[in-house]
Amino acid sequence: IINYSLIIPHVHRITQNTLSRRGYPSVAQRTQQHGTAIVSFYLHPNGAISQLRLKKRIGYASLDDNTLRVIRVAYKDYPRPKTKTKITFYVEYRLF
């Protein structure tokens, strides 16, 4: 059983790891796009997500669209809460 206070950091870490594994979108890399999006959705006890949306867009379609794609892949590894839980966190894109 995962404590609610640990769910969001855990979800954030899983999402950023999935983002790293999938790689930076090539067009975003070529054009030096970076930034931070804020996403929100509901995480359900059965592991499903609903009402996924960007609360704050980065402003580059390649990164904004990729953020939603990454969540749609990563959510399968998210911890399952006991009750429907609203999740809001940052997804960061940085070029090094």
PDB file of N, CA and C in Angstrom:
ATOM      1  N   ILE A   1       0.866  -1.182   0.000  1.00  0.00           N
ATOM      2  CA  ILE A   1       0.000   0.000   0.000  1.00  0.00           C
ATOM      3  C   ILE A   1       0.902   1.231   0.000  1.00  0.00           C
ATOM      4  N   ILE A   2       0.608   2.148  -0.897  1.00  0.00           N
ATOM      5  CA  ILE A   2       1.423   3.348  -1.026  1.00  0.00           C
ATOM      6  C   ILE A   2       0.687   4.530  -0.405  1.00  0.00           C
ATOM      7  N   ASN A   3       1.350   5.258   0.442  1.00  0.00           N
ATOM      8  CA  ASN A   3       0.810   6.454   1.067  1.00  0.00           C
ATOM      9  C   ASN A   3       0.597   7.519  -0.011  1.00  0.00           C
ATOM     10  N   TYR A   4      -0.516   8.276   0.077  1.00  0.00           N
ATOM     11  CA  TYR A   4      -0.813   9.308  -0.919  1.00  0.00           C
ATOM     12  C   TYR A   4       0.348  10.272  -1.108  1.00  0.00           C
ATOM     13  N   SER A   5       1.019  10.650  -0.043  1.00  0.00           N
ATOM     14  CA  SER A   5       2.123  11.617  -0.155  1.00  0.00           C
ATOM     15  C   SER A   5       3.265  11.078  -1.011  1.00  0.00           C
ATOM     16  N   LEU A   6       3.315   9.770  -1.187  1.00  0.00           N
ATOM     17  CA  LEU A   6       4.365   9.170  -2.017  1.00  0.00           C
ATOM     18  C   LEU A   6       3.923   8.928  -3.454  1.00  0.00           C
ATOM     19  N   ILE A   7       2.621   8.982  -3.710  1.00  0.00           N
ATOM     20  CA  ILE A   7       2.128   8.672  -5.055  1.00  0.00           C
ATOM     21  C   ILE A   7       2.635   9.672  -6.085  1.00  0.00           C
ATOM     22  N   ILE A   8       2.462  10.966  -5.835  1.00  0.00           N
ATOM     23  CA  ILE A   8       2.837  11.964  -6.849  1.00  0.00           C
ATOM     24  C   ILE A   8       4.334  11.931  -7.153  1.00  0.00           C
ATOM     25  N   PRO A   9       5.221  11.918  -6.141  1.00  0.00           N
ATOM     26  CA  PRO A   9       6.645  11.818  -6.495  1.00  0.00           C
ATOM     27  C   PRO A   9       6.976  10.532  -7.266  1.00  0.00           C
ATOM     28  N   HIS A  10       6.311   9.451  -6.919  1.00  0.00           N
ATOM     29  CA  HIS A  10       6.547   8.173  -7.598  1.00  0.00           C
ATOM     30  C   HIS A  10       6.073   8.259  -9.055  1.00  0.00           C
ATOM     31  N   VAL A  11       4.882   8.824  -9.265  1.00  0.00           N
ATOM     32  CA  VAL A  11       4.342   9.005 -10.612  1.00  0.00           C
ATOM     33  C   VAL A  11       5.263   9.910 -11.431  1.00  0.00           C
ATOM     34  N   HIS A  12       5.747  10.985 -10.817  1.00  0.00           N
ATOM     35  CA  HIS A  12       6.660  11.909 -11.496  1.00  0.00           C
ATOM     36  C   HIS A  12       7.932  11.187 -11.934  1.00  0.00           C
ATOM     37  N   ARG A  13       8.516  10.405 -11.030  1.00  0.00           N
ATOM     38  CA  ARG A  13       9.759   9.681 -11.335  1.00  0.00           C
ATOM     39  C   ARG A  13       9.539   8.681 -12.471  1.00  0.00           C
ATOM     40  N   ILE A  14       8.453   7.939 -12.423  1.00  0.00           N
ATOM     41  CA  ILE A  14       8.152   6.957 -13.482  1.00  0.00           C
ATOM     42  C   ILE A  14       7.975   7.669 -14.820  1.00  0.00           C
ATOM     43  N   THR A  15       7.285   8.804 -14.808  1.00  0.00           N
ATOM     44  CA  THR A  15       7.055   9.559 -16.043  1.00  0.00           C
ATOM     45  C   THR A  15       8.365  10.075 -16.617  1.00  0.00           C
ATOM     46  N   GLN A  16       9.206  10.685 -15.780  1.00  0.00           N
ATOM     47  CA  GLN A  16      10.495  11.207 -16.268  1.00  0.00           C
ATOM     48  C   GLN A  16      11.392  10.073 -16.767  1.00  0.00           C
ATOM     49  N   ASN A  17      11.358   8.917 -16.105  1.00  0.00           N
ATOM     50  CA  ASN A  17      12.148   7.766 -16.572  1.00  0.00           C
ATOM     51  C   ASN A  17      11.642   7.275 -17.924  1.00  0.00           C
ATOM     52  N   THR A  18      10.331   7.239 -18.096  1.00  0.00           N
ATOM     53  CA  THR A  18       9.755   6.833 -19.382  1.00  0.00           C
ATOM     54  C   THR A  18      10.140   7.832 -20.469  1.00  0.00           C
ATOM     55  N   LEU A  19      10.103   9.100 -20.136  1.00  0.00           N
ATOM     56  CA  LEU A  19      10.507  10.153 -21.071  1.00  0.00           C
ATOM     57  C   LEU A  19      11.963   9.953 -21.488  1.00  0.00           C
ATOM     58  N   SER A  20      12.821   9.666 -20.534  1.00  0.00           N
ATOM     59  CA  SER A  20      14.245   9.440 -20.833  1.00  0.00           C
ATOM     60  C   SER A  20      14.440   8.220 -21.730  1.00  0.00           C
ATOM     61  N   ARG A  21      13.726   7.149 -21.446  1.00  0.00           N
ATOM     62  CA  ARG A  21      13.865   5.928 -22.253  1.00  0.00           C
ATOM     63  C   ARG A  21      13.373   6.138 -23.684  1.00  0.00           C
ATOM     64  N   ARG A  22      12.302   6.894 -23.855  1.00  0.00           N
ATOM     65  CA  ARG A  22      11.732   7.113 -25.188  1.00  0.00           C
ATOM     66  C   ARG A  22      12.546   8.121 -25.995  1.00  0.00           C
ATOM     67  N   GLY A  23      13.327   8.940 -25.318  1.00  0.00           N
ATOM     68  CA  GLY A  23      14.162   9.914 -26.000  1.00  0.00           C
ATOM     69  C   GLY A  23      13.452  11.225 -26.285  1.00  0.00           C
ATOM     70  N   TYR A  24      14.247  12.225 -26.527  1.00  0.00           N
ATOM     71  CA  TYR A  24      13.762  13.573 -26.836  1.00  0.00           C
ATOM     72  C   TYR A  24      13.184  13.565 -28.241  1.00  0.00           C
ATOM     73  N   PRO A  25      12.045  14.179 -28.486  1.00  0.00           N
ATOM     74  CA  PRO A  25      11.526  14.244 -29.855  1.00  0.00           C
ATOM     75  C   PRO A  25      12.567  14.867 -30.794  1.00  0.00           C
ATOM     76  N   SER A  26      12.803  14.231 -31.928  1.00  0.00           N
ATOM     77  CA  SER A  26      13.894  14.664 -32.807  1.00  0.00           C
ATOM     78  C   SER A  26      13.748  16.107 -33.282  1.00  0.00           C
ATOM     79  N   VAL A  27      12.538  16.520 -33.655  1.00  0.00           N
ATOM     80  CA  VAL A  27      12.359  17.905 -34.117  1.00  0.00           C
ATOM     81  C   VAL A  27      12.644  18.884 -32.973  1.00  0.00           C
ATOM     82  N   ALA A  28      12.269  18.518 -31.766  1.00  0.00           N
ATOM     83  CA  ALA A  28      12.519  19.387 -30.612  1.00  0.00           C
ATOM     84  C   ALA A  28      14.016  19.484 -30.325  1.00  0.00           C
ATOM     85  N   GLN A  29      14.712  18.391 -30.511  1.00  0.00           N
ATOM     86  CA  GLN A  29      16.162  18.395 -30.292  1.00  0.00           C
ATOM     87  C   GLN A  29      16.856  19.257 -31.350  1.00  0.00           C
ATOM     88  N   ARG A  30      16.468  19.077 -32.613  1.00  0.00           N
ATOM     89  CA  ARG A  30      17.094  19.852 -33.692  1.00  0.00           C
ATOM     90  C   ARG A  30      16.874  21.344 -33.532  1.00  0.00           C
ATOM     91  N   THR A  31      15.713  21.733 -33.022  1.00  0.00           N
ATOM     92  CA  THR A  31      15.379  23.160 -32.905  1.00  0.00           C
ATOM     93  C   THR A  31      15.581  23.699 -31.487  1.00  0.00           C
ATOM     94  N   GLN A  32      16.245  22.902 -30.649  1.00  0.00           N
ATOM     95  CA  GLN A  32      16.629  23.333 -29.286  1.00  0.00           C
ATOM     96  C   GLN A  32      15.430  23.701 -28.408  1.00  0.00           C
ATOM     97  N   GLN A  33      14.322  22.966 -28.551  1.00  0.00           N
ATOM     98  CA  GLN A  33      13.137  23.227 -27.737  1.00  0.00           C
ATOM     99  C   GLN A  33      13.322  22.631 -26.342  1.00  0.00           C
ATOM    100  N   HIS A  34      12.861  23.348 -25.346  1.00  0.00           N
ATOM    101  CA  HIS A  34      12.901  22.863 -23.971  1.00  0.00           C
ATOM    102  C   HIS A  34      11.814  23.581 -23.174  1.00  0.00           C
ATOM    103  N   GLY A  35      11.548  23.097 -21.992  1.00  0.00           N
ATOM    104  CA  GLY A  35      10.554  23.734 -21.146  1.00  0.00           C
ATOM    105  C   GLY A  35       9.925  22.753 -20.192  1.00  0.00           C
ATOM    106  N   THR A  36       8.912  23.234 -19.489  1.00  0.00           N
ATOM    107  CA  THR A  36       8.230  22.436 -18.479  1.00  0.00           C
ATOM    108  C   THR A  36       6.728  22.529 -18.688  1.00  0.00           C
ATOM    109  N   ALA A  37       6.096  21.381 -18.751  1.00  0.00           N
ATOM    110  CA  ALA A  37       4.638  21.310 -18.848  1.00  0.00           C
ATOM    111  C   ALA A  37       4.081  20.921 -17.485  1.00  0.00           C
ATOM    112  N   ILE A  38       2.834  21.279 -17.246  1.00  0.00           N
ATOM    113  CA  ILE A  38       2.135  20.802 -16.055  1.00  0.00           C
ATOM    114  C   ILE A  38       0.981  19.946 -16.553  1.00  0.00           C
ATOM    115  N   VAL A  39       0.928  18.709 -16.068  1.00  0.00           N
ATOM    116  CA  VAL A  39      -0.126  17.787 -16.462  1.00  0.00           C
ATOM    117  C   VAL A  39      -1.014  17.461 -15.270  1.00  0.00           C
ATOM    118  N   SER A  40      -2.245  17.112 -15.574  1.00  0.00           N
ATOM    119  CA  SER A  40      -3.136  16.629 -14.520  1.00  0.00           C
ATOM    120  C   SER A  40      -4.016  15.530 -15.093  1.00  0.00           C
ATOM    121  N   PHE A  41      -4.411  14.629 -14.227  1.00  0.00           N
ATOM    122  CA  PHE A  41      -5.308  13.529 -14.583  1.00  0.00           C
ATOM    123  C   PHE A  41      -5.768  12.866 -13.295  1.00  0.00           C
ATOM    124  N   TYR A  42      -6.735  11.994 -13.439  1.00  0.00           N
ATOM    125  CA  TYR A  42      -7.181  11.192 -12.307  1.00  0.00           C
ATOM    126  C   TYR A  42      -6.604   9.794 -12.454  1.00  0.00           C
ATOM    127  N   LEU A  43      -6.076   9.273 -11.354  1.00  0.00           N
ATOM    128  CA  LEU A  43      -5.556   7.912 -11.297  1.00  0.00           C
ATOM    129  C   LEU A  43      -6.561   7.093 -10.485  1.00  0.00           C
ATOM    130  N   HIS A  44      -6.995   5.984 -11.068  1.00  0.00           N
ATOM    131  CA  HIS A  44      -8.049   5.170 -10.458  1.00  0.00           C
ATOM    132  C   HIS A  44      -7.472   3.924  -9.788  1.00  0.00           C
ATOM    133  N   PRO A  45      -8.210   3.361  -8.824  1.00  0.00           N
ATOM    134  CA  PRO A  45      -7.737   2.156  -8.132  1.00  0.00           C
ATOM    135  C   PRO A  45      -7.443   0.976  -9.063  1.00  0.00           C
ATOM    136  N   ASN A  46      -8.111   0.915 -10.209  1.00  0.00           N
ATOM    137  CA  ASN A  46      -7.857  -0.189 -11.151  1.00  0.00           C
ATOM    138  C   ASN A  46      -6.635   0.072 -12.032  1.00  0.00           C
ATOM    139  N   GLY A  47      -5.956   1.217 -11.843  1.00  0.00           N
ATOM    140  CA  GLY A  47      -4.756   1.549 -12.608  1.00  0.00           C
ATOM    141  C   GLY A  47      -5.007   2.412 -13.822  1.00  0.00           C
ATOM    142  N   ALA A  48      -6.267   2.656 -14.145  1.00  0.00           N
ATOM    143  CA  ALA A  48      -6.603   3.494 -15.305  1.00  0.00           C
ATOM    144  C   ALA A  48      -6.397   4.973 -14.973  1.00  0.00           C
ATOM    145  N   ILE A  49      -6.300   5.781 -16.032  1.00  0.00           N
ATOM    146  CA  ILE A  49      -6.264   7.228 -15.864  1.00  0.00           C
ATOM    147  C   ILE A  49      -7.420   7.827 -16.668  1.00  0.00           C
ATOM    148  N   SER A  50      -7.845   9.017 -16.251  1.00  0.00           N
ATOM    149  CA  SER A  50      -8.901   9.712 -16.985  1.00  0.00           C
ATOM    150  C   SER A  50      -8.658  11.212 -16.908  1.00  0.00           C
ATOM    151  N   GLN A  51      -9.283  11.920 -17.821  1.00  0.00           N
ATOM    152  CA  GLN A  51      -9.226  13.379 -17.881  1.00  0.00           C
ATOM    153  C   GLN A  51      -7.784  13.911 -17.943  1.00  0.00           C
ATOM    154  N   LEU A  52      -6.949  13.226 -18.710  1.00  0.00           N
ATOM    155  CA  LEU A  52      -5.572  13.672 -18.915  1.00  0.00           C
ATOM    156  C   LEU A  52      -5.574  14.979 -19.692  1.00  0.00           C
ATOM    157  N   ARG A  53      -4.885  15.971 -19.157  1.00  0.00           N
ATOM    158  CA  ARG A  53      -4.797  17.253 -19.863  1.00  0.00           C
ATOM    159  C   ARG A  53      -3.549  18.008 -19.439  1.00  0.00           C
ATOM    160  N   LEU A  54      -3.162  18.943 -20.293  1.00  0.00           N
ATOM    161  CA  LEU A  54      -2.055  19.841 -19.974  1.00  0.00           C
ATOM    162  C   LEU A  54      -2.641  21.079 -19.290  1.00  0.00           C
ATOM    163  N   LYS A  55      -2.260  21.298 -18.058  1.00  0.00           N
ATOM    164  CA  LYS A  55      -2.697  22.507 -17.357  1.00  0.00           C
ATOM    165  C   LYS A  55      -1.867  23.697 -17.815  1.00  0.00           C
ATOM    166  N   LYS A  56      -0.602  23.422 -18.160  1.00  0.00           N
ATOM    167  CA  LYS A  56       0.287  24.454 -18.692  1.00  0.00           C
ATOM    168  C   LYS A  56       1.071  23.819 -19.831  1.00  0.00           C
ATOM    169  N   ARG A  57       0.931  24.389 -20.993  1.00  0.00           N
ATOM    170  CA  ARG A  57       1.658  23.904 -22.161  1.00  0.00           C
ATOM    171  C   ARG A  57       3.062  24.513 -22.186  1.00  0.00           C
ATOM    172  N   ILE A  58       3.953  23.815 -22.866  1.00  0.00           N
ATOM    173  CA  ILE A  58       5.293  24.352 -23.087  1.00  0.00           C
ATOM    174  C   ILE A  58       5.232  25.376 -24.211  1.00  0.00           C
ATOM    175  N   GLY A  59       4.383  25.105 -25.191  1.00  0.00           N
ATOM    176  CA  GLY A  59       4.244  26.028 -26.318  1.00  0.00           C
ATOM    177  C   GLY A  59       4.838  25.487 -27.603  1.00  0.00           C
ATOM    178  N   TYR A  60       5.445  24.319 -27.541  1.00  0.00           N
ATOM    179  CA  TYR A  60       5.951  23.632 -28.723  1.00  0.00           C
ATOM    180  C   TYR A  60       5.108  22.368 -28.888  1.00  0.00           C
ATOM    181  N   ALA A  61       4.439  22.243 -30.025  1.00  0.00           N
ATOM    182  CA  ALA A  61       3.557  21.094 -30.237  1.00  0.00           C
ATOM    183  C   ALA A  61       4.289  19.769 -30.065  1.00  0.00           C
ATOM    184  N   SER A  62       5.537  19.697 -30.516  1.00  0.00           N
ATOM    185  CA  SER A  62       6.278  18.430 -30.413  1.00  0.00           C
ATOM    186  C   SER A  62       6.452  18.002 -28.953  1.00  0.00           C
ATOM    187  N   LEU A  63       6.719  18.954 -28.068  1.00  0.00           N
ATOM    188  CA  LEU A  63       6.901  18.620 -26.653  1.00  0.00           C
ATOM    189  C   LEU A  63       5.565  18.433 -25.939  1.00  0.00           C
ATOM    190  N   ASP A  64       4.598  19.283 -26.241  1.00  0.00           N
ATOM    191  CA  ASP A  64       3.284  19.151 -25.609  1.00  0.00           C
ATOM    192  C   ASP A  64       2.641  17.815 -25.979  1.00  0.00           C
ATOM    193  N   ASP A  65       2.675  17.457 -27.255  1.00  0.00           N
ATOM    194  CA  ASP A  65       2.103  16.183 -27.702  1.00  0.00           C
ATOM    195  C   ASP A  65       2.869  15.000 -27.111  1.00  0.00           C
ATOM    196  N   ASN A  66       4.180  15.118 -27.053  1.00  0.00           N
ATOM    197  CA  ASN A  66       4.996  14.042 -26.495  1.00  0.00           C
ATOM    198  C   ASN A  66       4.688  13.824 -25.018  1.00  0.00           C
ATOM    199  N   THR A  67       4.431  14.900 -24.289  1.00  0.00           N
ATOM    200  CA  THR A  67       4.106  14.782 -22.870  1.00  0.00           C
ATOM    201  C   THR A  67       2.879  13.893 -22.679  1.00  0.00           C
ATOM    202  N   LEU A  68       1.846  14.119 -23.454  1.00  0.00           N
ATOM    203  CA  LEU A  68       0.633  13.310 -23.340  1.00  0.00           C
ATOM    204  C   LEU A  68       0.888  11.862 -23.769  1.00  0.00           C
ATOM    205  N   ARG A  69       1.694  11.675 -24.826  1.00  0.00           N
ATOM    206  CA  ARG A  69       2.034  10.309 -25.267  1.00  0.00           C
ATOM    207  C   ARG A  69       2.801   9.560 -24.177  1.00  0.00           C
ATOM    208  N   VAL A  70       3.736  10.229 -23.536  1.00  0.00           N
ATOM    209  CA  VAL A  70       4.543   9.590 -22.485  1.00  0.00           C
ATOM    210  C   VAL A  70       3.658   9.157 -21.319  1.00  0.00           C
ATOM    211  N   ILE A  71       2.732  10.006 -20.904  1.00  0.00           N
ATOM    212  CA  ILE A  71       1.833   9.648 -19.800  1.00  0.00           C
ATOM    213  C   ILE A  71       0.992   8.424 -20.191  1.00  0.00           C
ATOM    214  N   ARG A  72       0.548   8.381 -21.440  1.00  0.00           N
ATOM    215  CA  ARG A  72      -0.279   7.251 -21.901  1.00  0.00           C
ATOM    216  C   ARG A  72       0.496   5.937 -21.926  1.00  0.00           C
ATOM    217  N   VAL A  73       1.811   6.002 -21.939  1.00  0.00           N
ATOM    218  CA  VAL A  73       2.649   4.802 -21.845  1.00  0.00           C
ATOM    219  C   VAL A  73       3.009   4.533 -20.382  1.00  0.00           C
ATOM    220  N   ALA A  74       3.420   5.553 -19.672  1.00  0.00           N
ATOM    221  CA  ALA A  74       3.952   5.400 -18.312  1.00  0.00           C
ATOM    222  C   ALA A  74       2.906   5.006 -17.281  1.00  0.00           C
ATOM    223  N   TYR A  75       1.654   5.388 -17.479  1.00  0.00           N
ATOM    224  CA  TYR A  75       0.642   5.173 -16.434  1.00  0.00           C
ATOM    225  C   TYR A  75       0.497   3.707 -16.040  1.00  0.00           C
ATOM    226  N   LYS A  76       0.839   2.803 -16.939  1.00  0.00           N
ATOM    227  CA  LYS A  76       0.715   1.374 -16.633  1.00  0.00           C
ATOM    228  C   LYS A  76       1.609   0.953 -15.470  1.00  0.00           C
ATOM    229  N   ASP A  77       2.658   1.739 -15.199  1.00  0.00           N
ATOM    230  CA  ASP A  77       3.580   1.431 -14.103  1.00  0.00           C
ATOM    231  C   ASP A  77       3.304   2.256 -12.840  1.00  0.00           C
ATOM    232  N   TYR A  78       2.304   3.127 -12.881  1.00  0.00           N
ATOM    233  CA  TYR A  78       2.007   3.966 -11.722  1.00  0.00           C
ATOM    234  C   TYR A  78       1.449   3.115 -10.578  1.00  0.00           C
ATOM    235  N   PRO A  79       1.717   3.537  -9.351  1.00  0.00           N
ATOM    236  CA  PRO A  79       1.114   2.843  -8.207  1.00  0.00           C
ATOM    237  C   PRO A  79      -0.404   3.051  -8.228  1.00  0.00           C
ATOM    238  N   ARG A  80      -1.129   2.113  -7.695  1.00  0.00           N
ATOM    239  CA  ARG A  80      -2.590   2.200  -7.689  1.00  0.00           C
ATOM    240  C   ARG A  80      -3.080   2.741  -6.342  1.00  0.00           C
ATOM    241  N   PRO A  81      -3.782   3.852  -6.375  1.00  0.00           N
ATOM    242  CA  PRO A  81      -4.308   4.404  -5.122  1.00  0.00           C
ATOM    243  C   PRO A  81      -5.550   3.625  -4.670  1.00  0.00           C
ATOM    244  N   LYS A  82      -5.929   3.806  -3.420  1.00  0.00           N
ATOM    245  CA  LYS A  82      -7.130   3.148  -2.891  1.00  0.00           C
ATOM    246  C   LYS A  82      -8.404   3.800  -3.418  1.00  0.00           C
ATOM    247  N   THR A  83      -8.331   5.101  -3.713  1.00  0.00           N
ATOM    248  CA  THR A  83      -9.482   5.835  -4.226  1.00  0.00           C
ATOM    249  C   THR A  83      -9.038   6.660  -5.424  1.00  0.00           C
ATOM    250  N   LYS A  84     -10.004   7.102  -6.230  1.00  0.00           N
ATOM    251  CA  LYS A  84      -9.708   7.980  -7.366  1.00  0.00           C
ATOM    252  C   LYS A  84      -8.931   9.181  -6.847  1.00  0.00           C
ATOM    253  N   THR A  85      -7.779   9.449  -7.452  1.00  0.00           N
ATOM    254  CA  THR A  85      -6.873  10.473  -6.959  1.00  0.00           C
ATOM    255  C   THR A  85      -6.480  11.423  -8.082  1.00  0.00           C
ATOM    256  N   LYS A  86      -6.609  12.722  -7.823  1.00  0.00           N
ATOM    257  CA  LYS A  86      -6.175  13.707  -8.814  1.00  0.00           C
ATOM    258  C   LYS A  86      -4.667  13.866  -8.697  1.00  0.00           C
ATOM    259  N   ILE A  87      -3.997  13.767  -9.827  1.00  0.00           N
ATOM    260  CA  ILE A  87      -2.543  13.871  -9.902  1.00  0.00           C
ATOM    261  C   ILE A  87      -2.205  15.100 -10.736  1.00  0.00           C
ATOM    262  N   THR A  88      -1.326  15.947 -10.225  1.00  0.00           N
ATOM    263  CA  THR A  88      -0.830  17.106 -10.965  1.00  0.00           C
ATOM    264  C   THR A  88       0.668  17.195 -10.712  1.00  0.00           C
ATOM    265  N   PHE A  89       1.455  17.320 -11.785  1.00  0.00           N
ATOM    266  CA  PHE A  89       2.903  17.448 -11.625  1.00  0.00           C
ATOM    267  C   PHE A  89       3.535  18.038 -12.880  1.00  0.00           C
ATOM    268  N   TYR A  90       4.813  18.358 -12.764  1.00  0.00           N
ATOM    269  CA  TYR A  90       5.600  18.942 -13.846  1.00  0.00           C
ATOM    270  C   TYR A  90       6.270  17.845 -14.660  1.00  0.00           C
ATOM    271  N   VAL A  91       6.359  18.059 -15.977  1.00  0.00           N
ATOM    272  CA  VAL A  91       7.160  17.206 -16.858  1.00  0.00           C
ATOM    273  C   VAL A  91       8.182  18.141 -17.513  1.00  0.00           C
ATOM    274  N   GLU A  92       9.438  17.836 -17.272  1.00  0.00           N
ATOM    275  CA  GLU A  92      10.521  18.727 -17.705  1.00  0.00           C
ATOM    276  C   GLU A  92      11.274  18.187 -18.903  1.00  0.00           C
ATOM    277  N   TYR A  93      11.559  19.096 -19.824  1.00  0.00           N
ATOM    278  CA  TYR A  93      12.389  18.799 -20.991  1.00  0.00           C
ATOM    279  C   TYR A  93      13.588  19.733 -20.942  1.00  0.00           C
ATOM    280  N   ARG A  94      14.771  19.127 -20.898  1.00  0.00           N
ATOM    281  CA  ARG A  94      16.009  19.927 -20.887  1.00  0.00           C
ATOM    282  C   ARG A  94      17.013  19.302 -21.832  1.00  0.00           C
ATOM    283  N   LEU A  95      17.666  20.166 -22.584  1.00  0.00           N
ATOM    284  CA  LEU A  95      18.771  19.718 -23.441  1.00  0.00           C
ATOM    285  C   LEU A  95      20.069  19.998 -22.709  1.00  0.00           C
ATOM    286  N   PHE A  96      20.973  19.022 -22.719  1.00  0.00           N
ATOM    287  CA  PHE A  96      22.262  19.215 -22.048  1.00  0.00           C
ATOM    288  C   PHE A  96      23.370  19.277 -23.050  1.00  0.00           C
TER     289      PHE A  96
END
